[in-house]
Amino acid sequence: MPPIALQLYSVRAQAKEDFAGTVRQVAQMGYPGVEPAGFPGTTPEEAGKLFRSLGLKVPSAHGGLPVGDDKNKVLDALDAIGCKRIISGRGPKDFESIDAIKNTCALFNEAAENAAARGFAFGIHNHWWEFNNVDGRLVFDVMLELLSPKVFFQLDTYWAKTGGADPVAVINRLGKRAPLLHMKDGPCVTGQPHVAVGKGKMDFPSIVAAARNVDWFIVELDECATDMMQAVKESYDYLAKITRA
């Protein structure tokens, strides 16, 4: 089964105070990988050294779009941490009309071309608004028509369900185009805090069973109803148990 990483955005409050110490705690929990979303209090170069010293893999990283003047800066950071996949996304206004979706997908396609030119891959992280309807069409359907095959998906299973989709059906539909899954749990209601994976409404055994083309499961809790570090540890323990069963 795929290994389990932690999206470090989950522990951003702790990382802001002590990035290295927080990452060490994550490694001690058993996580074999991490997914950065910025480098509070440090640099990509120092973070890369830290990850390597702890034996942590970096399957992907969240960052800005590799377009325009910042494209090399974004991709240079990937080089520094030994990562080949950059993940980004856009806000709800970028999908609120068909024209907005077209413009957003064109930007994603440009990002994928720029990434590929340097040997990287570009992927999209979804929220719930990609599963809204616009002009009688599902935003996600329109995106699939417009996006280059070079653009892959980091499917956030929780936000897909919160948006009204069946995560297993989306995983099956995307196939090899969704090599990374974000795993979070909670009430599946926007604006409410998350809980440790396995303690909310998500059906993770079904998601795990469908993950035939997935390289990594990545835990992410945006906000948490309980202590975040404890929830991150419980999330790893739960996923490790069901993926080994």
C-alpha atoms as a PDB file:
ATOM      1  CA  MET A   1       0.000   0.000   0.000  1.00  0.00           C
ATOM      2  CA  PRO A   2       1.084   3.616  -0.467  1.00  0.00           C
ATOM      3  CA  PRO A   3       3.168   5.188   2.301  1.00  0.00           C
ATOM      4  CA  ILE A   4       1.793   8.027   4.425  1.00  0.00           C
ATOM      5  CA  ALA A   5       3.088  11.605   4.492  1.00  0.00           C
ATOM      6  CA  LEU A   6       1.995  14.654   6.458  1.00  0.00           C
ATOM      7  CA  GLN A   7       1.121  17.968   4.863  1.00  0.00           C
ATOM      8  CA  LEU A   8       3.102  20.313   7.104  1.00  0.00           C
ATOM      9  CA  TYR A   9       0.422  22.995   6.761  1.00  0.00           C
ATOM     10  CA  SER A  10      -1.380  20.948   9.410  1.00  0.00           C
ATOM     11  CA  VAL A  11       1.277  21.856  11.979  1.00  0.00           C
ATOM     12  CA  ARG A  12       2.008  25.355  10.705  1.00  0.00           C
ATOM     13  CA  ALA A  13       1.493  26.978  14.127  1.00  0.00           C
ATOM     14  CA  GLN A  14       4.070  24.676  15.692  1.00  0.00           C
ATOM     15  CA  ALA A  15       6.424  24.919  12.707  1.00  0.00           C
ATOM     16  CA  LYS A  16       6.350  28.719  12.864  1.00  0.00           C
ATOM     17  CA  GLU A  17       7.795  28.494  16.382  1.00  0.00           C
ATOM     18  CA  ASP A  18      10.230  25.623  15.723  1.00  0.00           C
ATOM     19  CA  PHE A  19      10.294  24.202  12.211  1.00  0.00           C
ATOM     20  CA  ALA A  20      13.079  21.672  12.778  1.00  0.00           C
ATOM     21  CA  GLY A  21      11.703  20.477  16.111  1.00  0.00           C
ATOM     22  CA  THR A  22       8.218  20.050  14.681  1.00  0.00           C
ATOM     23  CA  VAL A  23       9.464  18.072  11.684  1.00  0.00           C
ATOM     24  CA  ARG A  24      11.474  15.844  14.026  1.00  0.00           C
ATOM     25  CA  GLN A  25       8.307  15.124  16.019  1.00  0.00           C
ATOM     26  CA  VAL A  26       6.498  14.204  12.812  1.00  0.00           C
ATOM     27  CA  ALA A  27       9.276  11.782  11.882  1.00  0.00           C
ATOM     28  CA  GLN A  28       9.153  10.259  15.365  1.00  0.00           C
ATOM     29  CA  MET A  29       5.427   9.598  14.922  1.00  0.00           C
ATOM     30  CA  GLY A  30       6.303   7.220  12.106  1.00  0.00           C
ATOM     31  CA  TYR A  31       5.589   9.335   9.039  1.00  0.00           C
ATOM     32  CA  PRO A  32       8.041   8.379   6.278  1.00  0.00           C
ATOM     33  CA  GLY A  33       7.324  11.542   4.289  1.00  0.00           C
ATOM     34  CA  VAL A  34       6.306  15.178   4.508  1.00  0.00           C
ATOM     35  CA  GLU A  35       4.680  17.633   2.126  1.00  0.00           C
ATOM     36  CA  PRO A  36       5.845  21.205   2.770  1.00  0.00           C
ATOM     37  CA  ALA A  37       3.687  24.280   2.236  1.00  0.00           C
ATOM     38  CA  GLY A  38       6.236  27.002   2.726  1.00  0.00           C
ATOM     39  CA  PHE A  39       9.250  27.028   5.026  1.00  0.00           C
ATOM     40  CA  PRO A  40       8.478  29.165   8.097  1.00  0.00           C
ATOM     41  CA  GLY A  41      11.610  30.384   9.830  1.00  0.00           C
ATOM     42  CA  THR A  42      13.931  28.532   7.470  1.00  0.00           C
ATOM     43  CA  THR A  43      14.855  28.123   3.798  1.00  0.00           C
ATOM     44  CA  PRO A  44      14.209  25.372   1.256  1.00  0.00           C
ATOM     45  CA  GLU A  45      17.901  24.512   1.395  1.00  0.00           C
ATOM     46  CA  GLU A  46      17.912  24.093   5.182  1.00  0.00           C
ATOM     47  CA  ALA A  47      14.599  22.230   5.076  1.00  0.00           C
ATOM     48  CA  GLY A  48      16.028  19.856   2.481  1.00  0.00           C
ATOM     49  CA  LYS A  49      19.009  19.102   4.705  1.00  0.00           C
ATOM     50  CA  LEU A  50      16.669  18.462   7.634  1.00  0.00           C
ATOM     51  CA  PHE A  51      14.420  16.118   5.648  1.00  0.00           C
ATOM     52  CA  ARG A  52      17.409  14.144   4.394  1.00  0.00           C
ATOM     53  CA  SER A  53      18.933  13.882   7.871  1.00  0.00           C
ATOM     54  CA  LEU A  54      15.682  12.372   9.154  1.00  0.00           C
ATOM     55  CA  GLY A  55      15.227  10.049   6.198  1.00  0.00           C
ATOM     56  CA  LEU A  56      11.992  11.788   5.197  1.00  0.00           C
ATOM     57  CA  LYS A  57      10.783  11.559   1.602  1.00  0.00           C
ATOM     58  CA  VAL A  58       9.165  14.598  -0.032  1.00  0.00           C
ATOM     59  CA  PRO A  59       6.583  13.264  -2.490  1.00  0.00           C
ATOM     60  CA  SER A  60       5.268  16.738  -3.302  1.00  0.00           C
ATOM     61  CA  ALA A  61       5.205  20.328  -2.118  1.00  0.00           C
ATOM     62  CA  HIS A  62       2.563  23.036  -2.096  1.00  0.00           C
ATOM     63  CA  GLY A  63       3.627  26.383  -3.484  1.00  0.00           C
ATOM     64  CA  GLY A  64       2.868  29.124  -5.928  1.00  0.00           C
ATOM     65  CA  LEU A  65       2.216  28.503  -9.578  1.00  0.00           C
ATOM     66  CA  PRO A  66       5.437  28.168 -11.579  1.00  0.00           C
ATOM     67  CA  VAL A  67       4.468  30.930 -13.991  1.00  0.00           C
ATOM     68  CA  GLY A  68       5.697  34.412 -14.736  1.00  0.00           C
ATOM     69  CA  ASP A  69       8.642  35.929 -12.888  1.00  0.00           C
ATOM     70  CA  ASP A  70       8.374  33.465  -9.989  1.00  0.00           C
ATOM     71  CA  LYS A  71       8.503  30.252 -11.990  1.00  0.00           C
ATOM     72  CA  ASN A  72      12.190  29.541 -11.426  1.00  0.00           C
ATOM     73  CA  LYS A  73      12.010  30.473  -7.745  1.00  0.00           C
ATOM     74  CA  VAL A  74       9.195  27.958  -7.228  1.00  0.00           C
ATOM     75  CA  LEU A  75      11.029  25.194  -9.072  1.00  0.00           C
ATOM     76  CA  ASP A  76      14.392  25.968  -7.468  1.00  0.00           C
ATOM     77  CA  ALA A  77      12.764  25.348  -4.072  1.00  0.00           C
ATOM     78  CA  LEU A  78      11.720  21.891  -5.288  1.00  0.00           C
ATOM     79  CA  ASP A  79      15.289  21.137  -6.271  1.00  0.00           C
ATOM     80  CA  ALA A  80      16.488  22.134  -2.815  1.00  0.00           C
ATOM     81  CA  ILE A  81      14.170  19.677  -1.048  1.00  0.00           C
ATOM     82  CA  GLY A  82      14.597  16.804  -3.497  1.00  0.00           C
ATOM     83  CA  CYS A  83      11.025  16.917  -4.746  1.00  0.00           C
ATOM     84  CA  LYS A  84       9.638  16.428  -8.268  1.00  0.00           C
ATOM     85  CA  ARG A  85       5.976  17.457  -7.844  1.00  0.00           C
ATOM     86  CA  ILE A  86       4.637  20.975  -7.252  1.00  0.00           C
ATOM     87  CA  ILE A  87       1.016  21.346  -6.141  1.00  0.00           C
ATOM     88  CA  SER A  88      -1.097  24.480  -6.282  1.00  0.00           C
ATOM     89  CA  GLY A  89      -4.709  25.575  -6.563  1.00  0.00           C
ATOM     90  CA  ARG A  90      -6.982  28.589  -6.849  1.00  0.00           C
ATOM     91  CA  GLY A  91      -9.806  30.139  -4.870  1.00  0.00           C
ATOM     92  CA  PRO A  92     -13.567  29.935  -5.439  1.00  0.00           C
ATOM     93  CA  LYS A  93     -13.721  33.094  -7.564  1.00  0.00           C
ATOM     94  CA  ASP A  94     -11.427  31.432 -10.103  1.00  0.00           C
ATOM     95  CA  PHE A  95     -14.141  28.854 -10.822  1.00  0.00           C
ATOM     96  CA  GLU A  96     -17.324  30.945 -10.518  1.00  0.00           C
ATOM     97  CA  SER A  97     -18.047  31.143 -14.268  1.00  0.00           C
ATOM     98  CA  ILE A  98     -17.180  29.192 -17.397  1.00  0.00           C
ATOM     99  CA  ASP A  99     -14.858  32.002 -18.524  1.00  0.00           C
ATOM    100  CA  ALA A 100     -13.143  32.003 -15.129  1.00  0.00           C
ATOM    101  CA  ILE A 101     -12.652  28.251 -15.337  1.00  0.00           C
ATOM    102  CA  LYS A 102     -11.156  28.600 -18.827  1.00  0.00           C
ATOM    103  CA  ASN A 103      -8.706  31.248 -17.604  1.00  0.00           C
ATOM    104  CA  THR A 104      -7.778  29.191 -14.551  1.00  0.00           C
ATOM    105  CA  CYS A 105      -7.186  26.034 -16.558  1.00  0.00           C
ATOM    106  CA  ALA A 106      -5.047  27.965 -19.041  1.00  0.00           C
ATOM    107  CA  LEU A 107      -2.920  29.105 -16.104  1.00  0.00           C
ATOM    108  CA  PHE A 108      -2.659  25.530 -14.824  1.00  0.00           C
ATOM    109  CA  ASN A 109      -1.639  24.330 -18.288  1.00  0.00           C
ATOM    110  CA  GLU A 110       1.069  26.989 -18.468  1.00  0.00           C
ATOM    111  CA  ALA A 111       2.326  25.917 -15.040  1.00  0.00           C
ATOM    112  CA  ALA A 112       2.477  22.294 -16.167  1.00  0.00           C
ATOM    113  CA  GLU A 113       4.466  23.210 -19.286  1.00  0.00           C
ATOM    114  CA  ASN A 114       6.956  25.269 -17.280  1.00  0.00           C
ATOM    115  CA  ALA A 115       7.351  22.515 -14.708  1.00  0.00           C
ATOM    116  CA  ALA A 116       7.801  19.821 -17.345  1.00  0.00           C
ATOM    117  CA  ALA A 117      10.483  21.873 -19.110  1.00  0.00           C
ATOM    118  CA  ARG A 118      12.630  21.483 -15.994  1.00  0.00           C
ATOM    119  CA  GLY A 119      11.756  17.875 -15.235  1.00  0.00           C
ATOM    120  CA  PHE A 120       8.995  18.511 -12.680  1.00  0.00           C
ATOM    121  CA  ALA A 121       5.295  17.675 -12.620  1.00  0.00           C
ATOM    122  CA  PHE A 122       2.499  20.088 -11.761  1.00  0.00           C
ATOM    123  CA  GLY A 123      -0.689  19.090  -9.988  1.00  0.00           C
ATOM    124  CA  ILE A 124      -3.885  20.647  -8.646  1.00  0.00           C
ATOM    125  CA  HIS A 125      -5.179  20.395  -5.097  1.00  0.00           C
ATOM    126  CA  ASN A 126      -8.966  20.733  -5.021  1.00  0.00           C
ATOM    127  CA  HIS A 127     -11.363  22.159  -2.473  1.00  0.00           C
ATOM    128  CA  TRP A 128     -15.137  21.851  -2.444  1.00  0.00           C
ATOM    129  CA  TRP A 129     -15.797  24.595  -4.992  1.00  0.00           C
ATOM    130  CA  GLU A 130     -14.494  22.486  -7.873  1.00  0.00           C
ATOM    131  CA  PHE A 131     -17.568  20.332  -7.262  1.00  0.00           C
ATOM    132  CA  ASN A 132     -20.034  23.209  -7.547  1.00  0.00           C
ATOM    133  CA  ASN A 133     -22.289  23.686 -10.555  1.00  0.00           C
ATOM    134  CA  VAL A 134     -21.781  26.616 -12.916  1.00  0.00           C
ATOM    135  CA  ASP A 135     -24.216  27.258 -15.754  1.00  0.00           C
ATOM    136  CA  GLY A 136     -25.691  23.809 -15.230  1.00  0.00           C
ATOM    137  CA  ARG A 137     -22.327  22.035 -15.404  1.00  0.00           C
ATOM    138  CA  LEU A 138     -20.064  20.570 -12.754  1.00  0.00           C
ATOM    139  CA  VAL A 139     -16.905  22.677 -12.508  1.00  0.00           C
ATOM    140  CA  PHE A 140     -14.814  19.512 -12.250  1.00  0.00           C
ATOM    141  CA  ASP A 141     -16.209  18.202 -15.560  1.00  0.00           C
ATOM    142  CA  VAL A 142     -15.346  21.439 -17.330  1.00  0.00           C
ATOM    143  CA  MET A 143     -11.836  21.344 -15.886  1.00  0.00           C
ATOM    144  CA  LEU A 144     -11.226  17.830 -17.157  1.00  0.00           C
ATOM    145  CA  GLU A 145     -12.141  18.982 -20.672  1.00  0.00           C
ATOM    146  CA  LEU A 146      -9.796  21.964 -20.557  1.00  0.00           C
ATOM    147  CA  LEU A 147      -6.736  20.730 -18.689  1.00  0.00           C
ATOM    148  CA  SER A 148      -3.621  19.403 -20.380  1.00  0.00           C
ATOM    149  CA  PRO A 149      -2.889  15.725 -19.723  1.00  0.00           C
ATOM    150  CA  LYS A 150       0.328  16.965 -18.091  1.00  0.00           C
ATOM    151  CA  VAL A 151      -1.706  18.323 -15.164  1.00  0.00           C
ATOM    152  CA  PHE A 152      -2.272  15.717 -12.465  1.00  0.00           C
ATOM    153  CA  PHE A 153      -4.558  15.823  -9.441  1.00  0.00           C
ATOM    154  CA  GLN A 154      -3.842  15.668  -5.762  1.00  0.00           C
ATOM    155  CA  LEU A 155      -7.380  14.705  -4.859  1.00  0.00           C
ATOM    156  CA  ASP A 156      -8.474  16.014  -1.485  1.00  0.00           C
ATOM    157  CA  THR A 157     -10.945  13.284  -0.629  1.00  0.00           C
ATOM    158  CA  TYR A 158     -12.555  15.228   2.222  1.00  0.00           C
ATOM    159  CA  TRP A 159     -13.255  18.357   0.206  1.00  0.00           C
ATOM    160  CA  ALA A 160     -14.574  16.253  -2.669  1.00  0.00           C
ATOM    161  CA  LYS A 161     -17.107  14.637  -0.330  1.00  0.00           C
ATOM    162  CA  THR A 162     -17.920  17.950   1.315  1.00  0.00           C
ATOM    163  CA  GLY A 163     -18.624  19.327  -2.163  1.00  0.00           C
ATOM    164  CA  GLY A 164     -21.116  16.527  -2.816  1.00  0.00           C
ATOM    165  CA  ALA A 165     -18.948  14.070  -4.772  1.00  0.00           C
ATOM    166  CA  ASP A 166     -18.219  10.429  -4.024  1.00  0.00           C
ATOM    167  CA  PRO A 167     -14.441  10.285  -3.407  1.00  0.00           C
ATOM    168  CA  VAL A 168     -14.188   6.664  -4.536  1.00  0.00           C
ATOM    169  CA  ALA A 169     -15.952   7.468  -7.820  1.00  0.00           C
ATOM    170  CA  VAL A 170     -13.608  10.415  -8.417  1.00  0.00           C
ATOM    171  CA  ILE A 171     -10.544   8.258  -7.657  1.00  0.00           C
ATOM    172  CA  ASN A 172     -11.756   5.648 -10.118  1.00  0.00           C
ATOM    173  CA  ARG A 173     -12.505   8.270 -12.748  1.00  0.00           C
ATOM    174  CA  LEU A 174      -9.083   9.915 -12.492  1.00  0.00           C
ATOM    175  CA  GLY A 175      -7.133   6.652 -12.372  1.00  0.00           C
ATOM    176  CA  LYS A 176      -3.404   7.236 -12.812  1.00  0.00           C
ATOM    177  CA  ARG A 177      -4.002  10.971 -13.027  1.00  0.00           C
ATOM    178  CA  ALA A 178      -4.453  11.102  -9.231  1.00  0.00           C
ATOM    179  CA  PRO A 179      -1.202   9.712  -7.767  1.00  0.00           C
ATOM    180  CA  LEU A 180      -1.616  11.582  -4.471  1.00  0.00           C
ATOM    181  CA  LEU A 181      -4.586  11.623  -2.096  1.00  0.00           C
ATOM    182  CA  HIS A 182      -5.135  14.094   0.717  1.00  0.00           C
ATOM    183  CA  MET A 183      -6.714  12.413   3.711  1.00  0.00           C
ATOM    184  CA  LYS A 184      -8.568  14.551   6.228  1.00  0.00           C
ATOM    185  CA  ASP A 185     -11.629  13.869   8.338  1.00  0.00           C
ATOM    186  CA  GLY A 186     -14.422  15.701  10.084  1.00  0.00           C
ATOM    187  CA  PRO A 187     -18.130  16.470   9.743  1.00  0.00           C
ATOM    188  CA  CYS A 188     -17.908  17.128   5.962  1.00  0.00           C
ATOM    189  CA  VAL A 189     -19.335  20.598   6.495  1.00  0.00           C
ATOM    190  CA  THR A 190     -17.505  23.741   5.406  1.00  0.00           C
ATOM    191  CA  GLY A 191     -16.426  26.068   8.176  1.00  0.00           C
ATOM    192  CA  GLN A 192     -16.241  23.352  10.825  1.00  0.00           C
ATOM    193  CA  PRO A 193     -12.938  22.054  12.237  1.00  0.00           C
ATOM    194  CA  HIS A 194     -11.442  18.738  11.295  1.00  0.00           C
ATOM    195  CA  VAL A 195     -10.703  15.746  13.500  1.00  0.00           C
ATOM    196  CA  ALA A 196      -8.117  12.980  13.418  1.00  0.00           C
ATOM    197  CA  VAL A 197      -8.402  10.746  10.371  1.00  0.00           C
ATOM    198  CA  GLY A 198     -10.729   7.879  11.219  1.00  0.00           C
ATOM    199  CA  LYS A 199     -12.796   9.862  13.737  1.00  0.00           C
ATOM    200  CA  GLY A 200     -15.112  11.722  11.375  1.00  0.00           C
ATOM    201  CA  LYS A 201     -17.565  10.889   8.610  1.00  0.00           C
ATOM    202  CA  MET A 202     -15.129   9.757   5.918  1.00  0.00           C
ATOM    203  CA  ASP A 203     -15.128   6.138   4.716  1.00  0.00           C
ATOM    204  CA  PHE A 204     -11.391   5.592   4.516  1.00  0.00           C
ATOM    205  CA  PRO A 205     -11.415   1.791   4.120  1.00  0.00           C
ATOM    206  CA  SER A 206     -13.286   2.271   0.818  1.00  0.00           C
ATOM    207  CA  ILE A 207     -10.916   5.045  -0.272  1.00  0.00           C
ATOM    208  CA  VAL A 208      -7.863   2.928   0.536  1.00  0.00           C
ATOM    209  CA  ALA A 209      -9.328  -0.020  -1.368  1.00  0.00           C
ATOM    210  CA  ALA A 210      -9.817   2.203  -4.440  1.00  0.00           C
ATOM    211  CA  ALA A 211      -6.278   3.617  -4.326  1.00  0.00           C
ATOM    212  CA  ARG A 212      -4.771   1.233  -6.870  1.00  0.00           C
ATOM    213  CA  ASN A 213      -2.911   3.983  -8.739  1.00  0.00           C
ATOM    214  CA  VAL A 214      -1.921   6.066  -5.720  1.00  0.00           C
ATOM    215  CA  ASP A 215       1.723   6.663  -4.752  1.00  0.00           C
ATOM    216  CA  TRP A 216       1.153   8.418  -1.413  1.00  0.00           C
ATOM    217  CA  PHE A 217      -1.558   9.091   1.130  1.00  0.00           C
ATOM    218  CA  ILE A 218      -1.037  12.547   2.649  1.00  0.00           C
ATOM    219  CA  VAL A 219      -2.697  13.548   5.921  1.00  0.00           C
ATOM    220  CA  GLU A 220      -3.855  17.154   6.096  1.00  0.00           C
ATOM    221  CA  LEU A 221      -5.932  18.785   8.818  1.00  0.00           C
ATOM    222  CA  ASP A 222      -6.600  22.456   8.068  1.00  0.00           C
ATOM    223  CA  GLU A 223      -7.985  23.207  11.526  1.00  0.00           C
ATOM    224  CA  CYS A 224      -8.599  20.723  14.312  1.00  0.00           C
ATOM    225  CA  ALA A 225     -11.247  20.345  17.006  1.00  0.00           C
ATOM    226  CA  THR A 226      -8.630  18.725  19.277  1.00  0.00           C
ATOM    227  CA  ASP A 227      -4.883  19.086  19.892  1.00  0.00           C
ATOM    228  CA  MET A 228      -3.290  19.178  16.440  1.00  0.00           C
ATOM    229  CA  MET A 229      -0.139  17.192  17.223  1.00  0.00           C
ATOM    230  CA  GLN A 230      -2.169  14.458  18.887  1.00  0.00           C
ATOM    231  CA  ALA A 231      -4.601  14.369  15.957  1.00  0.00           C
ATOM    232  CA  VAL A 232      -1.724  14.123  13.475  1.00  0.00           C
ATOM    233  CA  LYS A 233      -0.306  11.166  15.411  1.00  0.00           C
ATOM    234  CA  GLU A 234      -3.720   9.472  15.650  1.00  0.00           C
ATOM    235  CA  SER A 235      -4.226  10.007  11.917  1.00  0.00           C
ATOM    236  CA  TYR A 236      -0.978   8.240  11.091  1.00  0.00           C
ATOM    237  CA  ASP A 237      -1.722   5.354  13.444  1.00  0.00           C
ATOM    238  CA  TYR A 238      -5.188   4.867  11.978  1.00  0.00           C
ATOM    239  CA  LEU A 239      -4.081   4.950   8.343  1.00  0.00           C
ATOM    240  CA  ALA A 240      -1.099   2.721   9.032  1.00  0.00           C
ATOM    241  CA  LYS A 241      -3.442   0.181  10.610  1.00  0.00           C
ATOM    242  CA  ILE A 242      -6.004   0.078   7.803  1.00  0.00           C
ATOM    243  CA  THR A 243      -3.424   0.111   5.001  1.00  0.00           C
ATOM    244  CA  ARG A 244      -1.616  -2.847   6.527  1.00  0.00           C
ATOM    245  CA  ALA A 245      -4.763  -4.877   7.154  1.00  0.00           C
END
